[in-house]
Amino acid sequence: MWCRGVRGATTVKTNSREEILSSTRQLLALMVRRNEIDPKDVASAIFTTTPDIDAEFPALAARQLGWLDVPLMCGHEMTVSGSLPLCIRVLLHWNTEKSQSDLQHIYVHDAVRLRPDLSKLPAVDWEELEGWISEQMGVAGQ
């Protein structure tokens, strides 16, 4: 088994707690589902935000999904002139038998601009995804 890195990024429209948590939950849900990640195999996760996001820690979204034993860390991205604003990034360290080339890195919303070469995902059924997220949060709350 190898520890692999799976990347993802999303954007929010506003620096609000609920939008940060909702967008991060969606991003994590897509990463988990597209890569068939069992959260028990996640070694750790690093979340970063652009400096214009500070209303909530995006790692809280992982806790809401039940990732209670996973070490999580948040930080800010470097400030680079002209970089994408209101962006949340995540790097999951995942123990898996899959090769690095088999992993699907997830970039959604305006974050597709960061890696257009990796952003050719099938269409997302956002309503169905929210249903899956609600189920995970229900299990985590029990």
N, C-alpha and C. Protein backbone atom coordinates (compact mmCIF):
# COMPACT_ATOMS: atom_id res chain seq x y z
N MET A 1 0.86 -1.18 0.00
CA MET A 1 0.00 0.00 0.00
C MET A 1 0.90 1.23 0.00
N TRP A 2 0.46 2.25 -0.74
CA TRP A 2 1.20 3.48 -0.88
C TRP A 2 0.40 4.65 -0.29
N CYS A 3 1.09 5.67 0.13
CA CYS A 3 0.42 6.92 0.51
C CYS A 3 0.48 7.83 -0.70
N ARG A 4 -0.69 8.15 -1.24
CA ARG A 4 -0.80 8.97 -2.44
C ARG A 4 -1.40 10.33 -2.09
N GLY A 5 -1.10 11.32 -2.90
CA GLY A 5 -1.68 12.64 -2.73
C GLY A 5 -2.78 12.86 -3.75
N VAL A 6 -3.94 13.26 -3.28
CA VAL A 6 -5.07 13.59 -4.14
C VAL A 6 -5.38 15.07 -3.93
N ARG A 7 -5.39 15.83 -5.03
CA ARG A 7 -5.61 17.27 -4.96
C ARG A 7 -7.03 17.62 -5.36
N GLY A 8 -7.47 18.74 -4.83
CA GLY A 8 -8.75 19.28 -5.22
C GLY A 8 -8.83 20.76 -4.91
N ALA A 9 -9.71 21.46 -5.60
CA ALA A 9 -9.92 22.88 -5.34
C ALA A 9 -11.32 23.28 -5.77
N THR A 10 -11.83 24.29 -5.09
CA THR A 10 -13.13 24.86 -5.40
C THR A 10 -13.07 26.35 -5.11
N THR A 11 -14.12 27.03 -5.44
CA THR A 11 -14.21 28.46 -5.10
C THR A 11 -15.55 28.72 -4.43
N VAL A 12 -15.59 29.83 -3.73
CA VAL A 12 -16.84 30.31 -3.11
C VAL A 12 -17.15 31.68 -3.70
N LYS A 13 -18.41 32.05 -3.64
CA LYS A 13 -18.80 33.38 -4.15
C LYS A 13 -18.56 34.46 -3.10
N THR A 14 -18.72 34.07 -1.82
CA THR A 14 -18.55 35.01 -0.72
C THR A 14 -17.79 34.35 0.42
N ASN A 15 -17.18 35.16 1.24
CA ASN A 15 -16.46 34.70 2.42
C ASN A 15 -17.45 34.53 3.57
N SER A 16 -18.28 33.49 3.47
CA SER A 16 -19.26 33.22 4.53
C SER A 16 -19.05 31.81 5.05
N ARG A 17 -19.33 31.64 6.33
CA ARG A 17 -19.13 30.34 6.98
C ARG A 17 -19.86 29.24 6.23
N GLU A 18 -21.15 29.44 5.95
CA GLU A 18 -21.93 28.38 5.33
C GLU A 18 -21.43 28.06 3.92
N GLU A 19 -21.05 29.07 3.17
CA GLU A 19 -20.56 28.80 1.81
C GLU A 19 -19.22 28.06 1.84
N ILE A 20 -18.36 28.42 2.75
CA ILE A 20 -17.07 27.73 2.89
C ILE A 20 -17.30 26.26 3.22
N LEU A 21 -18.17 26.00 4.19
CA LEU A 21 -18.43 24.61 4.61
C LEU A 21 -19.14 23.83 3.51
N SER A 22 -20.14 24.42 2.88
CA SER A 22 -20.89 23.73 1.83
C SER A 22 -19.98 23.39 0.64
N SER A 23 -19.21 24.35 0.19
CA SER A 23 -18.32 24.12 -0.97
C SER A 23 -17.24 23.10 -0.64
N THR A 24 -16.72 23.13 0.57
CA THR A 24 -15.69 22.17 0.96
C THR A 24 -16.28 20.77 1.09
N ARG A 25 -17.48 20.66 1.65
CA ARG A 25 -18.13 19.33 1.72
C ARG A 25 -18.35 18.78 0.32
N GLN A 26 -18.80 19.61 -0.61
CA GLN A 26 -19.00 19.16 -1.99
C GLN A 26 -17.69 18.67 -2.60
N LEU A 27 -16.63 19.45 -2.41
CA LEU A 27 -15.33 19.07 -2.95
C LEU A 27 -14.87 17.74 -2.38
N LEU A 28 -14.94 17.59 -1.07
CA LEU A 28 -14.52 16.33 -0.44
C LEU A 28 -15.38 15.16 -0.92
N ALA A 29 -16.69 15.39 -1.04
CA ALA A 29 -17.58 14.33 -1.50
C ALA A 29 -17.21 13.87 -2.90
N LEU A 30 -16.91 14.82 -3.78
CA LEU A 30 -16.49 14.44 -5.14
C LEU A 30 -15.17 13.69 -5.12
N MET A 31 -14.23 14.14 -4.31
CA MET A 31 -12.93 13.47 -4.23
C MET A 31 -13.10 12.03 -3.73
N VAL A 32 -13.90 11.86 -2.70
CA VAL A 32 -14.14 10.54 -2.11
C VAL A 32 -14.84 9.63 -3.10
N ARG A 33 -15.89 10.11 -3.71
CA ARG A 33 -16.68 9.27 -4.61
C ARG A 33 -15.96 8.95 -5.90
N ARG A 34 -15.29 9.91 -6.50
CA ARG A 34 -14.62 9.66 -7.78
C ARG A 34 -13.39 8.77 -7.62
N ASN A 35 -12.80 8.76 -6.44
CA ASN A 35 -11.60 7.95 -6.20
C ASN A 35 -11.87 6.70 -5.36
N GLU A 36 -13.12 6.54 -4.93
CA GLU A 36 -13.51 5.41 -4.07
C GLU A 36 -12.65 5.38 -2.80
N ILE A 37 -12.56 6.55 -2.17
CA ILE A 37 -11.76 6.70 -0.95
C ILE A 37 -12.59 6.31 0.25
N ASP A 38 -12.04 5.41 1.07
CA ASP A 38 -12.62 5.12 2.36
C ASP A 38 -11.96 6.08 3.34
N PRO A 39 -12.75 6.94 4.00
CA PRO A 39 -12.13 7.91 4.92
C PRO A 39 -11.22 7.27 5.97
N LYS A 40 -11.42 5.99 6.27
CA LYS A 40 -10.54 5.30 7.22
C LYS A 40 -9.12 5.17 6.68
N ASP A 41 -8.96 5.30 5.36
CA ASP A 41 -7.64 5.19 4.74
C ASP A 41 -6.97 6.54 4.49
N VAL A 42 -7.64 7.64 4.89
CA VAL A 42 -7.05 8.97 4.72
C VAL A 42 -6.05 9.18 5.85
N ALA A 43 -4.79 9.40 5.49
CA ALA A 43 -3.73 9.59 6.49
C ALA A 43 -3.80 10.99 7.09
N SER A 44 -4.05 12.00 6.25
CA SER A 44 -4.15 13.38 6.71
C SER A 44 -4.66 14.24 5.57
N ALA A 45 -5.02 15.47 5.89
CA ALA A 45 -5.47 16.41 4.87
C ALA A 45 -5.01 17.81 5.22
N ILE A 46 -4.56 18.52 4.20
CA ILE A 46 -4.15 19.90 4.35
C ILE A 46 -5.10 20.75 3.51
N PHE A 47 -5.71 21.73 4.16
CA PHE A 47 -6.62 22.66 3.49
C PHE A 47 -5.95 24.02 3.46
N THR A 48 -6.04 24.69 2.32
CA THR A 48 -5.58 26.07 2.25
C THR A 48 -6.66 26.92 1.63
N THR A 49 -6.63 28.19 1.97
CA THR A 49 -7.54 29.15 1.38
C THR A 49 -6.73 30.36 0.92
N THR A 50 -7.29 31.06 -0.03
CA THR A 50 -6.69 32.34 -0.37
C THR A 50 -6.95 33.28 0.81
N PRO A 51 -6.11 34.30 0.97
CA PRO A 51 -6.24 35.17 2.16
C PRO A 51 -7.59 35.88 2.30
N ASP A 52 -8.39 35.91 1.24
CA ASP A 52 -9.70 36.56 1.32
C ASP A 52 -10.78 35.65 1.92
N ILE A 53 -10.39 34.45 2.36
CA ILE A 53 -11.32 33.52 3.03
C ILE A 53 -10.85 33.35 4.47
N ASP A 54 -11.69 33.79 5.40
CA ASP A 54 -11.35 33.66 6.81
C ASP A 54 -12.57 33.53 7.73
N ALA A 55 -13.74 33.25 7.15
CA ALA A 55 -14.96 33.16 7.95
C ALA A 55 -15.11 31.81 8.65
N GLU A 56 -14.36 30.80 8.21
CA GLU A 56 -14.42 29.47 8.85
C GLU A 56 -13.24 28.64 8.37
N PHE A 57 -12.86 27.66 9.16
CA PHE A 57 -11.84 26.69 8.77
C PHE A 57 -12.48 25.67 7.83
N PRO A 58 -11.97 25.47 6.62
CA PRO A 58 -12.57 24.48 5.73
C PRO A 58 -12.45 23.05 6.27
N ALA A 59 -11.50 22.79 7.13
CA ALA A 59 -11.36 21.45 7.70
C ALA A 59 -12.59 21.04 8.51
N LEU A 60 -13.35 22.00 9.01
CA LEU A 60 -14.57 21.67 9.75
C LEU A 60 -15.52 20.86 8.88
N ALA A 61 -15.52 21.11 7.57
CA ALA A 61 -16.38 20.34 6.66
C ALA A 61 -16.04 18.85 6.71
N ALA A 62 -14.76 18.52 6.81
CA ALA A 62 -14.35 17.11 6.92
C ALA A 62 -14.85 16.52 8.24
N ARG A 63 -14.76 17.27 9.30
CA ARG A 63 -15.28 16.80 10.59
C ARG A 63 -16.79 16.55 10.49
N GLN A 64 -17.49 17.44 9.80
CA GLN A 64 -18.94 17.27 9.64
C GLN A 64 -19.28 15.99 8.88
N LEU A 65 -18.36 15.57 8.00
CA LEU A 65 -18.56 14.33 7.24
C LEU A 65 -18.11 13.10 8.02
N GLY A 66 -17.66 13.29 9.25
CA GLY A 66 -17.29 12.15 10.10
C GLY A 66 -15.81 11.85 10.16
N TRP A 67 -14.96 12.70 9.64
CA TRP A 67 -13.52 12.47 9.65
C TRP A 67 -12.95 12.91 10.99
N LEU A 68 -13.34 12.21 12.05
CA LEU A 68 -12.98 12.61 13.40
C LEU A 68 -11.57 12.19 13.79
N ASP A 69 -11.04 11.13 13.19
CA ASP A 69 -9.72 10.63 13.54
C ASP A 69 -8.64 11.03 12.54
N VAL A 70 -8.99 11.78 11.53
CA VAL A 70 -8.03 12.18 10.49
C VAL A 70 -7.35 13.48 10.92
N PRO A 71 -6.01 13.51 10.94
CA PRO A 71 -5.33 14.77 11.22
C PRO A 71 -5.58 15.77 10.09
N LEU A 72 -6.04 16.96 10.45
CA LEU A 72 -6.38 17.99 9.48
C LEU A 72 -5.63 19.28 9.82
N MET A 73 -5.27 20.04 8.80
CA MET A 73 -4.60 21.31 9.02
C MET A 73 -5.09 22.32 7.99
N CYS A 74 -5.21 23.57 8.42
CA CYS A 74 -5.61 24.66 7.54
C CYS A 74 -4.52 25.72 7.50
N GLY A 75 -4.44 26.40 6.37
CA GLY A 75 -3.51 27.51 6.23
C GLY A 75 -3.93 28.37 5.05
N HIS A 76 -3.21 29.47 4.85
CA HIS A 76 -3.47 30.34 3.72
C HIS A 76 -2.47 30.07 2.61
N GLU A 77 -2.92 30.21 1.38
CA GLU A 77 -2.04 30.16 0.21
C GLU A 77 -1.18 31.41 0.18
N MET A 78 -0.10 31.34 -0.54
CA MET A 78 0.71 32.53 -0.78
C MET A 78 -0.11 33.58 -1.51
N THR A 79 0.18 34.82 -1.24
CA THR A 79 -0.46 35.91 -1.97
C THR A 79 0.36 36.17 -3.24
N VAL A 80 -0.23 35.85 -4.37
CA VAL A 80 0.44 36.04 -5.66
C VAL A 80 -0.44 36.95 -6.51
N SER A 81 0.13 37.98 -7.04
CA SER A 81 -0.61 38.93 -7.85
C SER A 81 -1.31 38.22 -9.01
N GLY A 82 -2.60 38.49 -9.16
CA GLY A 82 -3.37 37.91 -10.25
C GLY A 82 -3.86 36.50 -10.01
N SER A 83 -3.63 35.94 -8.82
CA SER A 83 -4.07 34.57 -8.57
C SER A 83 -5.59 34.51 -8.36
N LEU A 84 -6.13 33.32 -8.46
CA LEU A 84 -7.57 33.09 -8.34
C LEU A 84 -8.06 33.44 -6.93
N PRO A 85 -9.04 34.33 -6.80
CA PRO A 85 -9.55 34.70 -5.47
C PRO A 85 -10.58 33.69 -4.95
N LEU A 86 -10.85 33.79 -3.66
CA LEU A 86 -11.90 33.02 -2.99
C LEU A 86 -11.79 31.52 -3.29
N CYS A 87 -10.59 30.99 -3.17
CA CYS A 87 -10.31 29.60 -3.54
C CYS A 87 -9.93 28.77 -2.32
N ILE A 88 -10.49 27.58 -2.26
CA ILE A 88 -10.19 26.59 -1.23
C ILE A 88 -9.51 25.42 -1.91
N ARG A 89 -8.36 25.01 -1.39
CA ARG A 89 -7.63 23.86 -1.92
C ARG A 89 -7.49 22.80 -0.84
N VAL A 90 -7.39 21.56 -1.28
CA VAL A 90 -7.16 20.47 -0.33
C VAL A 90 -6.17 19.48 -0.94
N LEU A 91 -5.32 18.95 -0.08
CA LEU A 91 -4.42 17.86 -0.44
C LEU A 91 -4.69 16.74 0.54
N LEU A 92 -5.27 15.64 0.04
CA LEU A 92 -5.51 14.46 0.87
C LEU A 92 -4.33 13.50 0.72
N HIS A 93 -3.83 13.00 1.83
CA HIS A 93 -2.82 11.93 1.83
C HIS A 93 -3.59 10.65 2.11
N TRP A 94 -3.59 9.75 1.13
CA TRP A 94 -4.50 8.60 1.15
C TRP A 94 -3.70 7.31 0.95
N ASN A 95 -3.91 6.36 1.85
CA ASN A 95 -3.28 5.04 1.75
C ASN A 95 -4.11 4.18 0.81
N THR A 96 -3.49 3.77 -0.30
CA THR A 96 -4.23 3.06 -1.33
C THR A 96 -3.31 2.16 -2.14
N GLU A 97 -3.92 1.20 -2.80
CA GLU A 97 -3.19 0.35 -3.75
C GLU A 97 -3.18 0.96 -5.15
N LYS A 98 -3.97 2.00 -5.38
CA LYS A 98 -4.03 2.63 -6.69
C LYS A 98 -2.71 3.33 -7.02
N SER A 99 -2.39 3.38 -8.30
CA SER A 99 -1.21 4.11 -8.73
C SER A 99 -1.55 5.60 -8.79
N GLN A 100 -0.53 6.43 -8.73
CA GLN A 100 -0.75 7.87 -8.79
C GLN A 100 -1.50 8.27 -10.06
N SER A 101 -1.20 7.60 -11.16
CA SER A 101 -1.85 7.94 -12.44
C SER A 101 -3.33 7.55 -12.47
N ASP A 102 -3.78 6.70 -11.55
CA ASP A 102 -5.18 6.30 -11.51
C ASP A 102 -6.05 7.25 -10.69
N LEU A 103 -5.43 8.20 -10.01
CA LEU A 103 -6.19 9.10 -9.14
C LEU A 103 -6.86 10.21 -9.94
N GLN A 104 -8.03 10.62 -9.47
CA GLN A 104 -8.76 11.72 -10.09
C GLN A 104 -8.69 12.93 -9.18
N HIS A 105 -7.98 13.94 -9.62
CA HIS A 105 -7.91 15.19 -8.88
C HIS A 105 -9.13 16.01 -9.28
N ILE A 106 -9.72 16.71 -8.33
CA ILE A 106 -11.02 17.35 -8.56
C ILE A 106 -10.90 18.87 -8.47
N TYR A 107 -11.27 19.53 -9.54
CA TYR A 107 -11.29 20.99 -9.60
C TYR A 107 -12.67 21.40 -10.09
N VAL A 108 -13.39 22.16 -9.27
CA VAL A 108 -14.76 22.56 -9.62
C VAL A 108 -14.94 24.06 -9.49
N HIS A 109 -16.04 24.53 -10.05
CA HIS A 109 -16.39 25.95 -10.08
C HIS A 109 -15.26 26.72 -10.75
N ASP A 110 -14.92 27.89 -10.28
CA ASP A 110 -13.87 28.68 -10.94
C ASP A 110 -12.49 28.06 -10.80
N ALA A 111 -12.34 27.10 -9.90
CA ALA A 111 -11.03 26.46 -9.70
C ALA A 111 -10.61 25.61 -10.89
N VAL A 112 -11.50 25.34 -11.83
CA VAL A 112 -11.09 24.61 -13.04
C VAL A 112 -10.00 25.37 -13.78
N ARG A 113 -9.94 26.69 -13.56
CA ARG A 113 -8.89 27.50 -14.19
C ARG A 113 -7.49 27.12 -13.70
N LEU A 114 -7.41 26.55 -12.49
CA LEU A 114 -6.10 26.19 -11.94
C LEU A 114 -5.47 25.02 -12.69
N ARG A 115 -6.30 24.05 -13.06
CA ARG A 115 -5.81 22.85 -13.75
C ARG A 115 -6.81 22.40 -14.80
N PRO A 116 -6.91 23.13 -15.91
CA PRO A 116 -7.87 22.74 -16.95
C PRO A 116 -7.58 21.34 -17.49
N ASP A 117 -6.33 20.92 -17.42
CA ASP A 117 -5.97 19.58 -17.89
C ASP A 117 -6.56 18.48 -17.01
N LEU A 118 -6.90 18.79 -15.76
CA LEU A 118 -7.47 17.80 -14.84
C LEU A 118 -8.95 18.04 -14.56
N SER A 119 -9.54 18.96 -15.25
CA SER A 119 -10.90 19.40 -14.91
C SER A 119 -11.97 18.86 -15.83
N LYS A 120 -11.69 17.82 -16.54
CA LYS A 120 -12.67 17.27 -17.49
C LYS A 120 -13.50 16.17 -16.82
N LEU A 121 -14.24 16.58 -15.80
CA LEU A 121 -15.07 15.64 -15.05
C LEU A 121 -16.41 15.45 -15.74
N PRO A 122 -17.03 14.31 -15.51
CA PRO A 122 -18.41 14.16 -15.97
C PRO A 122 -19.28 15.20 -15.26
N ALA A 123 -20.40 15.54 -15.83
CA ALA A 123 -21.31 16.50 -15.21
C ALA A 123 -21.66 16.06 -13.80
N VAL A 124 -21.73 17.02 -12.90
CA VAL A 124 -22.05 16.73 -11.50
C VAL A 124 -23.53 16.98 -11.27
N ASP A 125 -24.21 16.00 -10.70
CA ASP A 125 -25.59 16.17 -10.27
C ASP A 125 -25.51 16.72 -8.84
N TRP A 126 -25.54 18.04 -8.71
CA TRP A 126 -25.33 18.70 -7.42
C TRP A 126 -26.41 18.33 -6.41
N GLU A 127 -27.63 18.14 -6.86
CA GLU A 127 -28.71 17.77 -5.94
C GLU A 127 -28.48 16.37 -5.37
N GLU A 128 -28.09 15.43 -6.22
CA GLU A 128 -27.79 14.07 -5.76
C GLU A 128 -26.59 14.10 -4.81
N LEU A 129 -25.58 14.90 -5.15
CA LEU A 129 -24.40 15.01 -4.30
C LEU A 129 -24.77 15.53 -2.92
N GLU A 130 -25.63 16.54 -2.86
CA GLU A 130 -26.07 17.08 -1.57
C GLU A 130 -26.83 16.03 -0.76
N GLY A 131 -27.59 15.17 -1.43
CA GLY A 131 -28.26 14.07 -0.73
C GLY A 131 -27.26 13.11 -0.11
N TRP A 132 -26.20 12.78 -0.85
CA TRP A 132 -25.15 11.90 -0.33
C TRP A 132 -24.45 12.54 0.86
N ILE A 133 -24.17 13.84 0.75
CA ILE A 133 -23.52 14.57 1.84
C ILE A 133 -24.40 14.54 3.08
N SER A 134 -25.69 14.78 2.91
CA SER A 134 -26.63 14.74 4.05
C SER A 134 -26.63 13.39 4.73
N GLU A 135 -26.58 12.32 3.93
CA GLU A 135 -26.52 10.97 4.50
C GLU A 135 -25.25 10.80 5.33
N GLN A 136 -24.11 11.25 4.79
CA GLN A 136 -22.85 11.12 5.51
C GLN A 136 -22.87 11.90 6.81
N MET A 137 -23.45 13.09 6.77
CA MET A 137 -23.51 13.92 7.97
C MET A 137 -24.45 13.31 9.00
N GLY A 138 -25.51 12.64 8.53
CA GLY A 138 -26.42 11.95 9.45
C GLY A 138 -25.74 10.80 10.15
N VAL A 139 -24.95 10.04 9.40
CA VAL A 139 -24.19 8.93 9.98
C VAL A 139 -23.17 9.46 10.97
N ALA A 140 -22.50 10.54 10.61
CA ALA A 140 -21.45 11.10 11.47
C ALA A 140 -22.05 11.65 12.76
N GLY A 141 -23.29 12.13 12.71
CA GLY A 141 -23.92 12.70 13.89
C GLY A 141 -24.48 11.68 14.85
N GLN A 142 -24.52 10.42 14.44
CA GLN A 142 -25.10 9.38 15.31
C GLN A 142 -24.08 8.85 16.29
